[in-house]
Protein backbone atom coordinates (compact mmCIF):
# COMPACT_ATOMS: atom_id res chain seq x y z
CA UNK A 1 0.00 0.00 0.00
CA UNK A 2 2.81 2.39 0.93
CA UNK A 3 4.57 1.57 -2.34
CA UNK A 4 1.41 2.38 -4.37
CA UNK A 5 0.97 5.63 -2.46
CA UNK A 6 4.56 6.59 -3.23
CA UNK A 7 4.03 5.88 -6.94
CA UNK A 8 0.85 8.00 -6.97
CA UNK A 9 2.64 10.86 -5.23
CA UNK A 10 5.47 10.68 -7.79
CA UNK A 11 2.97 10.75 -10.68
CA UNK A 12 1.16 13.72 -9.11
CA UNK A 13 4.45 15.58 -8.72
CA UNK A 14 5.35 14.88 -12.34
CA UNK A 15 1.93 16.08 -13.52
CA UNK A 16 2.26 19.26 -11.44
CA UNK A 17 5.67 19.91 -12.92
CA UNK A 18 4.35 19.36 -16.44
CA UNK A 19 1.42 21.76 -15.93
CA UNK A 20 3.32 24.38 -13.96
CA UNK A 21 4.16 27.94 -14.90
CA UNK A 22 6.23 28.28 -18.12
CA UNK A 23 8.45 31.02 -16.76
CA UNK A 24 9.56 28.90 -13.78
CA UNK A 25 10.42 25.99 -16.07
CA UNK A 26 12.39 28.23 -18.39
CA UNK A 27 14.22 29.87 -15.49
CA UNK A 28 15.25 26.48 -14.19
CA UNK A 29 16.54 25.52 -17.63
CA UNK A 30 13.88 22.88 -18.41
CA UNK A 31 11.99 22.58 -21.69
CA UNK A 32 8.90 20.36 -21.49
CA UNK A 33 8.26 17.82 -24.20
CA UNK A 34 4.57 18.65 -24.02
CA UNK A 35 2.84 21.37 -22.00
CA UNK A 36 -0.41 19.77 -20.84
CA UNK A 37 -1.78 23.03 -19.44
CA UNK A 38 -1.46 24.94 -22.71
CA UNK A 39 -1.51 22.03 -25.18
CA UNK A 40 1.70 23.05 -26.91
CA UNK A 41 5.00 21.39 -27.55
CA UNK A 42 8.22 22.68 -26.08
CA UNK A 43 8.34 26.02 -27.95
CA UNK A 44 6.15 29.05 -28.66
CA UNK A 45 2.72 27.86 -29.74
CA UNK A 46 1.89 31.13 -31.51
CA UNK A 47 4.87 30.83 -33.85
CA UNK A 48 4.09 27.18 -34.41
CA UNK A 49 0.51 27.94 -35.45
CA UNK A 50 1.61 30.85 -37.63
CA UNK A 51 4.30 28.88 -39.46
CA UNK A 52 2.24 25.72 -39.86
CA UNK A 53 -0.74 27.73 -41.13
CA UNK A 54 1.33 29.50 -43.75
CA UNK A 55 3.17 26.35 -44.83
CA UNK A 56 -0.04 24.31 -45.07
CA UNK A 57 -1.71 27.04 -47.11
CA UNK A 58 1.35 27.47 -49.34
CA UNK A 59 1.75 23.72 -49.97
CA UNK A 60 -1.95 23.42 -50.81
CA UNK A 61 -1.70 26.33 -53.25
CA UNK A 62 1.45 24.86 -54.78
CA UNK A 63 -0.34 21.59 -55.51
CA UNK A 64 -3.32 23.46 -57.01
CA UNK A 65 -1.01 25.63 -59.13
CA UNK A 66 1.00 22.66 -60.43
CA UNK A 67 -2.11 20.65 -61.32
CA UNK A 68 -3.82 23.63 -62.95
CA UNK A 69 -0.67 24.64 -64.78
CA UNK A 70 -0.05 21.17 -66.15
CA UNK A 71 -3.66 20.71 -67.26
CA UNK A 72 -4.09 24.12 -68.86
CA UNK A 73 -0.71 24.09 -70.60
CA UNK A 74 -1.61 20.75 -72.22
CA UNK A 75 -5.01 22.05 -73.27
CA UNK A 76 -3.75 25.44 -74.47
CA UNK A 77 -0.33 25.11 -76.07
CA UNK A 78 0.24 28.88 -76.02
CA UNK A 79 -0.19 29.12 -72.22
CA UNK A 80 3.00 28.16 -70.29
CA UNK A 81 2.71 26.49 -66.90
CA UNK A 82 4.68 29.26 -65.16
CA UNK A 83 2.06 31.83 -66.21
CA UNK A 84 -0.72 29.72 -64.69
CA UNK A 85 1.22 29.34 -61.42
CA UNK A 86 1.72 33.10 -61.32
CA UNK A 87 -1.99 33.76 -61.92
CA UNK A 88 -3.01 31.27 -59.21
CA UNK A 89 -0.75 33.13 -56.79
CA UNK A 90 -2.27 36.51 -57.74
CA UNK A 91 -5.85 35.26 -57.22
CA UNK A 92 -4.95 33.64 -53.90
CA UNK A 93 -3.11 36.80 -52.84
CA UNK A 94 -6.17 38.95 -53.55
CA UNK A 95 -8.34 36.65 -51.43
CA UNK A 96 -5.78 36.68 -48.61
CA UNK A 97 -5.54 40.46 -48.66
CA UNK A 98 -9.31 40.81 -48.39
CA UNK A 99 -9.32 38.49 -45.37
CA UNK A 100 -6.37 40.29 -43.81
CA UNK A 101 -7.86 43.77 -44.34
CA UNK A 102 -11.25 42.72 -43.01
CA UNK A 103 -9.83 41.19 -39.83
CA UNK A 104 -7.39 44.07 -39.30
CA UNK A 105 -10.26 46.58 -39.55
CA UNK A 106 -12.12 44.64 -36.86
CA UNK A 107 -8.88 44.40 -34.82
CA UNK A 108 -9.00 40.62 -35.02
CA UNK A 109 -5.79 38.61 -35.21
CA UNK A 110 -5.34 36.28 -38.16
CA UNK A 111 -2.81 33.53 -38.77
CA UNK A 112 -3.97 33.14 -42.35
CA UNK A 113 -2.21 35.98 -44.12
CA UNK A 114 0.32 37.68 -41.83
CA UNK A 115 3.24 35.36 -42.79
CA UNK A 116 2.79 36.36 -46.42
CA UNK A 117 4.08 39.82 -45.52
CA UNK A 118 7.33 38.62 -43.97
CA UNK A 119 8.73 35.89 -46.20
CA UNK A 120 12.47 35.48 -45.56
CA UNK A 121 14.48 36.42 -48.64
CA UNK A 122 17.40 34.20 -47.60
CA UNK A 123 15.12 31.25 -48.32
CA UNK A 124 15.23 32.20 -52.00
CA UNK A 125 19.02 32.30 -52.26
CA UNK A 126 19.75 29.25 -50.10
CA UNK A 127 16.77 26.95 -50.69
CA UNK A 128 14.90 27.84 -53.89
CA UNK A 129 17.49 29.19 -56.32
CA UNK A 130 20.13 26.40 -55.91
CA UNK A 131 17.89 23.63 -57.34
CA UNK A 132 16.92 25.84 -60.29
CA UNK A 133 20.50 26.82 -61.11
CA UNK A 134 21.87 23.32 -60.46
CA UNK A 135 19.41 21.66 -62.80
CA UNK A 136 20.12 24.25 -65.49
CA UNK A 137 23.87 23.69 -65.24
CA UNK A 138 23.45 19.92 -65.09
CA UNK A 139 21.34 19.91 -68.25
CA UNK A 140 23.94 21.84 -70.27
CA UNK A 141 25.32 19.32 -72.76
CA UNK A 142 29.08 19.84 -73.17
CA UNK A 143 28.99 19.16 -76.92
CA UNK A 144 26.34 21.80 -77.65
CA UNK A 145 27.84 24.23 -75.16
CA UNK A 146 31.28 23.88 -76.74
CA UNK A 147 29.88 24.31 -80.24
CA UNK A 148 28.24 27.64 -79.34
CA UNK A 149 30.39 28.69 -76.40
CA UNK A 150 31.71 31.90 -77.94
CA UNK A 151 28.25 33.23 -78.77
CA UNK A 152 26.72 32.08 -75.47
CA UNK A 153 29.53 33.47 -73.31
CA UNK A 154 29.51 36.81 -75.14
CA UNK A 155 25.74 37.16 -74.82
CA UNK A 156 25.90 36.27 -71.13
CA UNK A 157 28.91 38.36 -70.09
CA UNK A 158 29.14 41.33 -72.46
CA UNK A 159 25.40 41.32 -73.07
CA UNK A 160 24.43 41.42 -69.40
CA UNK A 161 26.88 44.24 -68.73
CA UNK A 162 25.63 46.21 -71.75
CA UNK A 163 22.00 45.71 -70.75
CA UNK A 164 22.77 46.77 -67.17
CA UNK A 165 24.35 50.01 -68.36
CA UNK A 166 21.50 50.80 -70.76
CA UNK A 167 18.87 50.28 -68.04
CA UNK A 168 20.96 52.22 -65.50
CA UNK A 169 21.31 55.24 -67.79
CA UNK A 170 17.59 55.22 -68.57
CA UNK A 171 16.61 55.02 -64.88
CA UNK A 172 19.15 57.71 -63.97
CA UNK A 173 17.61 60.02 -66.60
CA UNK A 174 14.15 59.26 -65.21
CA UNK A 175 15.36 60.07 -61.70
CA UNK A 176 16.98 63.33 -62.79
CA UNK A 177 13.85 64.42 -64.67
CA UNK A 178 11.61 63.75 -61.67
CA UNK A 179 14.00 64.74 -58.89
CA UNK A 180 13.87 61.28 -57.30
CA UNK A 181 17.46 61.33 -56.02
CA UNK A 182 18.35 57.81 -57.16
CA UNK A 183 22.12 57.29 -57.21
CA UNK A 184 24.02 55.83 -60.15
CA UNK A 185 25.08 52.85 -58.00
CA UNK A 186 21.39 52.09 -57.37
CA UNK A 187 20.65 52.43 -61.08
CA UNK A 188 23.45 49.99 -61.94
CA UNK A 189 22.27 47.55 -59.27
CA UNK A 190 18.74 47.67 -60.65
CA UNK A 191 20.03 47.33 -64.21
CA UNK A 192 22.02 44.23 -63.23
CA UNK A 193 19.14 42.48 -61.50
CA UNK A 194 16.62 43.08 -64.29
CA UNK A 195 19.19 41.95 -66.87
CA UNK A 196 19.06 38.42 -65.40
CA UNK A 197 16.70 36.58 -67.76
CA UNK A 198 14.49 33.58 -66.98
CA UNK A 199 13.06 32.10 -70.20
CA UNK A 200 11.43 29.13 -68.45
CA UNK A 201 8.13 29.78 -70.27
CA UNK A 202 9.85 30.23 -73.62
CA UNK A 203 11.89 27.05 -73.23
CA UNK A 204 8.77 25.08 -72.32
CA UNK A 205 7.19 26.13 -75.62
CA UNK A 206 10.46 25.43 -77.42
CA UNK A 207 10.50 21.88 -76.04
CA UNK A 208 6.85 21.29 -76.94
CA UNK A 209 7.39 22.57 -80.48
CA UNK A 210 10.72 20.73 -80.88
CA UNK A 211 12.55 23.78 -82.19
CA UNK A 212 16.01 23.66 -83.71
CA UNK A 213 18.60 22.45 -81.18
CA UNK A 214 20.91 25.34 -81.93
CA UNK A 215 18.22 27.89 -81.06
CA UNK A 216 17.23 25.96 -77.92
CA UNK A 217 20.78 25.79 -76.59
CA UNK A 218 21.56 29.39 -77.49
CA UNK A 219 18.59 30.58 -75.40
CA UNK A 220 19.11 28.01 -72.67
CA UNK A 221 22.88 28.38 -72.35
CA UNK A 222 22.75 32.18 -72.46
CA UNK A 223 20.09 32.31 -69.74
CA UNK A 224 22.04 29.99 -67.43
CA UNK A 225 25.29 31.96 -67.63
CA UNK A 226 23.34 35.22 -67.73
CA UNK A 227 21.81 34.53 -64.31
CA UNK A 228 25.23 33.94 -62.78
CA UNK A 229 26.72 37.09 -64.33
CA UNK A 230 23.68 39.16 -63.39
CA UNK A 231 23.81 38.13 -59.73
CA UNK A 232 27.53 38.81 -59.40
CA UNK A 233 27.11 42.20 -61.10
CA UNK A 234 24.22 43.01 -58.77
CA UNK A 235 26.23 42.13 -55.68
CA UNK A 236 29.22 44.09 -56.99
CA UNK A 237 27.24 47.25 -57.76
CA UNK A 238 25.07 47.06 -54.63
CA UNK A 239 28.16 47.25 -52.40
CA UNK A 240 28.60 50.86 -53.55
CA UNK A 241 25.04 51.97 -52.76
CA UNK A 242 25.13 54.54 -49.98
CA UNK A 243 28.91 54.84 -50.14
CA UNK A 244 30.44 58.29 -50.36
CA UNK A 245 33.04 56.88 -52.74
CA UNK A 246 30.62 55.15 -55.06
CA UNK A 247 31.70 57.06 -58.15
CA UNK A 248 34.94 57.77 -59.96
CA UNK A 249 37.68 55.77 -61.59
CA UNK A 250 38.89 54.12 -58.38
CA UNK A 251 35.40 52.86 -57.56
CA UNK A 252 35.01 51.47 -61.09
CA UNK A 253 38.36 49.71 -60.84
CA UNK A 254 37.46 48.21 -57.46
CA UNK A 255 34.11 47.06 -58.84
CA UNK A 256 35.80 45.36 -61.83
CA UNK A 257 38.34 43.62 -59.61
CA UNK A 258 35.60 42.59 -57.20
CA UNK A 259 33.58 41.10 -60.05
CA UNK A 260 36.46 39.06 -61.46
CA UNK A 261 37.60 37.86 -58.02
CA UNK A 262 34.11 36.73 -57.02
CA UNK A 263 33.25 35.18 -60.38
CA UNK A 264 36.62 33.48 -60.84
CA UNK A 265 36.80 32.30 -57.24
CA UNK A 266 33.27 30.92 -57.42
CA UNK A 267 34.09 29.03 -60.63
CA UNK A 268 37.15 27.40 -59.04
CA UNK A 269 35.23 26.60 -55.86
CA UNK A 270 32.37 25.00 -57.83
CA UNK A 271 34.76 22.87 -59.88
CA UNK A 272 36.64 21.79 -56.73
CA UNK A 273 33.43 20.78 -54.97
CA UNK A 274 32.31 18.81 -58.04
CA UNK A 275 35.62 16.95 -58.13
CA UNK A 276 35.31 16.20 -54.40
CA UNK A 277 31.77 14.89 -54.89
CA UNK A 278 32.92 12.74 -57.82
CA UNK A 279 35.61 11.17 -55.65
CA UNK A 280 33.08 10.43 -52.93
CA UNK A 281 30.66 8.86 -55.39
CA UNK A 282 33.47 6.69 -56.76
CA UNK A 283 34.11 5.37 -53.26
CA UNK A 284 30.40 4.58 -52.89
CA UNK A 285 30.29 2.42 -56.01
CA UNK A 286 29.94 -1.33 -55.75
CA UNK A 287 33.14 -3.36 -55.75
CA UNK A 288 34.10 -4.58 -59.19
CA UNK A 289 32.22 -7.73 -60.05
CA UNK A 290 29.40 -7.09 -57.56
CA UNK A 291 26.15 -8.50 -58.95
CA UNK A 292 23.87 -8.57 -55.91
CA UNK A 293 20.61 -6.72 -56.69
CA UNK A 294 20.07 -5.55 -53.10
CA UNK A 295 23.61 -4.17 -52.87
CA UNK A 296 23.19 -2.37 -56.20
CA UNK A 297 19.91 -0.85 -55.03
CA UNK A 298 21.45 0.27 -51.75
CA UNK A 299 24.44 1.84 -53.52
CA UNK A 300 22.12 3.66 -55.93
CA UNK A 301 20.04 5.10 -53.07
CA UNK A 302 23.13 6.28 -51.23
CA UNK A 303 24.61 7.93 -54.32
CA UNK A 304 21.35 9.72 -55.15
CA UNK A 305 21.09 10.92 -51.54
CA UNK A 306 24.62 12.35 -51.71
CA UNK A 307 23.83 14.12 -55.00
CA UNK A 308 20.56 15.52 -53.59
CA UNK A 309 22.55 17.07 -50.73
CA UNK A 310 25.12 18.30 -53.23
CA UNK A 311 22.42 20.39 -54.94
CA UNK A 312 22.43 22.74 -51.93
CA UNK A 313 25.94 22.29 -50.51
CA UNK A 314 27.83 24.50 -53.04
CA UNK A 315 25.64 27.52 -52.25
CA UNK A 316 26.14 27.05 -48.49
CA UNK A 317 29.92 26.71 -48.81
CA UNK A 318 30.19 29.68 -51.20
CA UNK A 319 28.22 32.02 -48.95
CA UNK A 320 30.34 30.88 -46.02
CA UNK A 321 33.54 32.04 -47.76
CA UNK A 322 31.85 35.15 -49.26
CA UNK A 323 31.74 33.91 -52.84
CA UNK A 324 28.70 33.75 -55.12
CA UNK A 325 26.48 30.81 -54.23
CA UNK A 326 24.75 30.86 -57.61
CA UNK A 327 27.95 30.88 -59.68
CA UNK A 328 29.44 28.16 -57.49
CA UNK A 329 26.28 26.06 -57.85
CA UNK A 330 26.26 26.53 -61.62
CA UNK A 331 29.84 25.35 -62.15
CA UNK A 332 29.46 22.60 -59.54
CA UNK A 333 26.49 21.33 -61.57
CA UNK A 334 28.45 21.46 -64.81
CA UNK A 335 31.27 19.55 -63.10
CA UNK A 336 28.78 17.06 -61.69
CA UNK A 337 27.54 16.32 -65.17
CA UNK A 338 31.08 15.75 -66.42
CA UNK A 339 32.67 14.00 -63.42
CA UNK A 340 29.96 12.75 -61.04
CA UNK A 341 27.52 11.15 -63.45
CA UNK A 342 30.03 8.61 -64.88
CA UNK A 343 30.68 7.40 -61.30
CA UNK A 344 27.03 6.56 -60.66
CA UNK A 345 25.77 3.01 -60.81
CA UNK A 346 23.29 2.41 -63.62
CA UNK A 347 20.25 2.45 -61.31
CA UNK A 348 21.24 5.85 -59.88
CA UNK A 349 21.54 7.85 -63.11
CA UNK A 350 17.88 7.98 -64.03
CA UNK A 351 16.93 8.56 -60.38
CA UNK A 352 19.40 11.45 -60.06
CA UNK A 353 18.05 13.08 -63.23
CA UNK A 354 14.50 12.79 -61.89
CA UNK A 355 15.46 14.22 -58.48
CA UNK A 356 17.20 17.26 -60.03
CA UNK A 357 14.30 17.94 -62.40
CA UNK A 358 11.70 17.59 -59.63
CA UNK A 359 13.52 19.84 -57.18
CA UNK A 360 14.01 22.51 -59.86
CA UNK A 361 10.38 22.31 -60.98
CA UNK A 362 9.08 22.67 -57.42
CA UNK A 363 11.45 25.53 -56.63
CA UNK A 364 10.58 27.42 -59.80
CA UNK A 365 6.85 26.99 -59.15
CA UNK A 366 7.29 28.11 -55.54
CA UNK A 367 9.04 31.32 -56.64
CA UNK A 368 6.34 32.25 -59.15
CA UNK A 369 3.58 31.31 -56.70
CA UNK A 370 5.04 33.51 -53.99
CA UNK A 371 5.52 36.33 -56.50
CA UNK A 372 1.80 36.15 -57.28
CA UNK A 373 0.90 36.00 -53.59
CA UNK A 374 3.02 39.01 -52.72
CA UNK A 375 1.72 41.31 -55.47
CA UNK A 376 -1.58 42.30 -53.76
CA UNK A 377 0.22 43.01 -50.47
CA UNK A 378 2.61 45.54 -52.01
CA UNK A 379 1.72 49.19 -51.44
CA UNK A 380 1.48 50.12 -55.11
CA UNK A 381 0.16 53.62 -54.44
CA UNK A 382 3.16 54.52 -52.26
CA UNK A 383 6.02 52.34 -53.55
CA UNK A 384 5.48 52.17 -57.30
CA UNK A 385 5.78 54.47 -60.27
CA UNK A 386 4.04 53.76 -63.56
CA UNK A 387 6.52 55.98 -65.38
CA UNK A 388 9.48 54.03 -63.95
CA UNK A 389 7.90 50.72 -64.97
CA UNK A 390 7.41 52.03 -68.51
CA UNK A 391 10.95 53.44 -68.70
CA UNK A 392 12.47 50.23 -67.30
CA UNK A 393 10.46 48.03 -69.67
CA UNK A 394 11.53 49.98 -72.74
CA UNK A 395 15.12 50.09 -71.46
CA UNK A 396 15.15 46.29 -70.98
CA UNK A 397 13.96 45.76 -74.55
CA UNK A 398 16.45 48.26 -75.96
CA UNK A 399 19.26 46.93 -73.75
CA UNK A 400 18.68 43.38 -74.95
CA UNK A 401 18.56 44.44 -78.58
CA UNK A 402 21.74 46.49 -78.11
CA UNK A 403 23.80 43.35 -77.55
CA UNK A 404 21.91 40.45 -79.16
CA UNK A 405 22.10 41.75 -82.73
CA UNK A 406 25.66 43.20 -82.67
CA UNK A 407 27.14 40.10 -81.01
CA UNK A 408 25.35 37.74 -83.41
CA UNK A 409 26.47 39.88 -86.36
CA UNK A 410 30.09 39.85 -85.15
CA UNK A 411 30.13 36.06 -84.81
CA UNK A 412 28.39 35.54 -88.15
CA UNK A 413 31.17 37.41 -89.94
CA UNK A 414 33.74 34.80 -88.85
CA UNK A 415 31.52 31.72 -88.60
CA UNK A 416 31.30 28.86 -91.04
CA UNK A 417 28.11 28.72 -93.14
CA UNK A 418 26.59 26.07 -90.89
CA UNK A 419 27.41 27.92 -87.65
CA UNK A 420 25.82 31.31 -88.32
CA UNK A 421 22.96 32.63 -86.20
CA UNK A 422 20.24 33.48 -88.75
CA UNK A 423 18.05 36.59 -88.32
CA UNK A 424 15.01 34.64 -87.14
CA UNK A 425 17.13 33.05 -84.38
CA UNK A 426 18.35 36.52 -83.40
CA UNK A 427 14.75 37.75 -83.14
CA UNK A 428 13.84 34.84 -80.83
CA UNK A 429 16.95 35.45 -78.72
CA UNK A 430 15.82 39.03 -78.23
CA UNK A 431 12.24 37.92 -77.57
CA UNK A 432 13.34 35.38 -74.95
CA UNK A 433 14.54 38.00 -72.45
CA UNK A 434 11.83 37.35 -69.87
CA UNK A 435 12.45 38.15 -66.21
CA UNK A 436 11.77 35.77 -63.34
CA UNK A 437 13.10 34.13 -60.19
CA UNK A 438 16.59 35.65 -60.07
CA UNK A 439 15.36 39.21 -60.64
CA UNK A 440 12.64 38.78 -58.01
CA UNK A 441 15.08 37.42 -55.43
CA UNK A 442 17.66 40.15 -56.03
CA UNK A 443 15.00 42.87 -55.84
CA UNK A 444 14.11 41.79 -52.30
CA UNK A 445 17.80 41.96 -51.37
CA UNK A 446 18.19 45.45 -52.87
CA UNK A 447 20.19 47.74 -50.53
CA UNK A 448 17.91 50.13 -48.68
CA UNK A 449 20.52 52.73 -47.69
CA UNK A 450 18.66 55.45 -49.60
CA UNK A 451 15.17 54.08 -48.92
CA UNK A 452 14.46 52.97 -52.51
CA UNK A 453 14.19 49.20 -52.01
CA UNK A 454 10.39 49.08 -52.15
CA UNK A 455 10.35 51.25 -55.28
CA UNK A 456 12.69 48.92 -57.17
CA UNK A 457 11.06 45.78 -55.76
CA UNK A 458 7.60 46.78 -57.02
CA UNK A 459 9.07 47.84 -60.36
CA UNK A 460 10.81 44.48 -60.73
CA UNK A 461 7.61 42.61 -59.85
CA UNK A 462 5.70 44.58 -62.48
CA UNK A 463 8.37 43.83 -65.11
CA UNK A 464 8.26 40.12 -64.30
CA UNK A 465 4.47 39.98 -64.57
CA UNK A 466 4.39 41.89 -67.86
CA UNK A 467 7.20 39.92 -69.51
CA UNK A 468 5.92 36.57 -68.21
CA UNK A 469 2.27 37.02 -69.15
CA UNK A 470 2.76 38.89 -72.41
CA UNK A 471 6.00 37.28 -73.58
CA UNK A 472 5.18 33.79 -72.31
CA UNK A 473 1.69 33.74 -73.79
CA UNK A 474 2.84 35.02 -77.21
CA UNK A 475 5.90 32.75 -77.59
CA UNK A 476 4.01 30.26 -79.75
CA UNK A 477 2.81 33.02 -82.07
CA UNK A 478 6.31 34.50 -82.23
CA UNK A 479 7.75 31.11 -83.20
CA UNK A 480 5.24 30.76 -86.03
CA UNK A 481 5.99 34.32 -87.18
């Protein structure tokens, strides 16, 4: 009897401790597994509800957007999936804003829409962009890249720089005419971020229409390298925003050196990480002569798991040593295609290709969905300018034309008859300059030293929507023309 009484007393003491005051438990250093008094796990229940509500809503919308995009793009060949995902996000964002405004007016708290206003931009650079860039670099075929490398590299490097300068000069003239006080460093930063193209909608139509391989790889290869160059240029120019020494010959020299150091260092780092991954995958292969099916399956799973981690690892390592995560990821992916893939067992190759494609597809859809969700929450009356959007749009078109046609003409003069870029290819290269995930991510990382981040972020969002919906929906007609 005494033993049972002691057990009951111990259980009562444990229950009292579990349902006691939170502050006393925290002061004593304890964290309960489950708080029976407040029905929460061992951390803030408000944050848990907020995060889980947003993630559940976002995942549900992502599934709806992917299903709708796939179905509508099959039914209407002219409508790319990315445009449908963007439109689903806009509609959902409008509904969320109505709910948020209604509950805010009544001074009622809501978990449904508040997280949409505070999405962490680091998630884009460290979680969403690496799969997109990795898959793009992994899909670059060395033979086609080598055959058109001069044209692709010139369009990506010289073209992005030329487009950045054209947009910067146009925005600076707009600022001077309206007395907006935008610095030249800010104009260059904005020009760099909107010069990063994302022809995902165009390439989807290209693949469906089975266009000429040369045209496909010119657009695809230029966009992949263009993103990397655009991000490094953006980071280089943005360092001078708000600086008293942001102009002059010394600043330009420092910016050039900074660009080449970051880009070159990121290339070397990406190649080194790819070689390291290839060596690890070689160690994980089956011993020579191994025929056991279970062992082969286990080795394939392990190799695919290592490669899935490797999709994100280059960006983490690069940011840790202050290099460009996107450039490092791009060249790590190109190295993985050349060095890692031959070291995979047969069962792992198809699985790795599917994993890369799936991660990239989900990440790209998530970016466009969040872009659509965020549009209604932006303060367009305060933070946007219709004149700036118009100026930037025209400048983007002119800036792209200013390098596509001259570079193609210069290469055609020295190219063999079968290697020239015909005029209709040049027109499609110019047409394919849509803006997307990279521009959106950079806009939310725009330096706010002069208080112009929201202005450039809303302008970038407007450019993405216009180019995606108009350019993406008319790609099929442009191809026929």
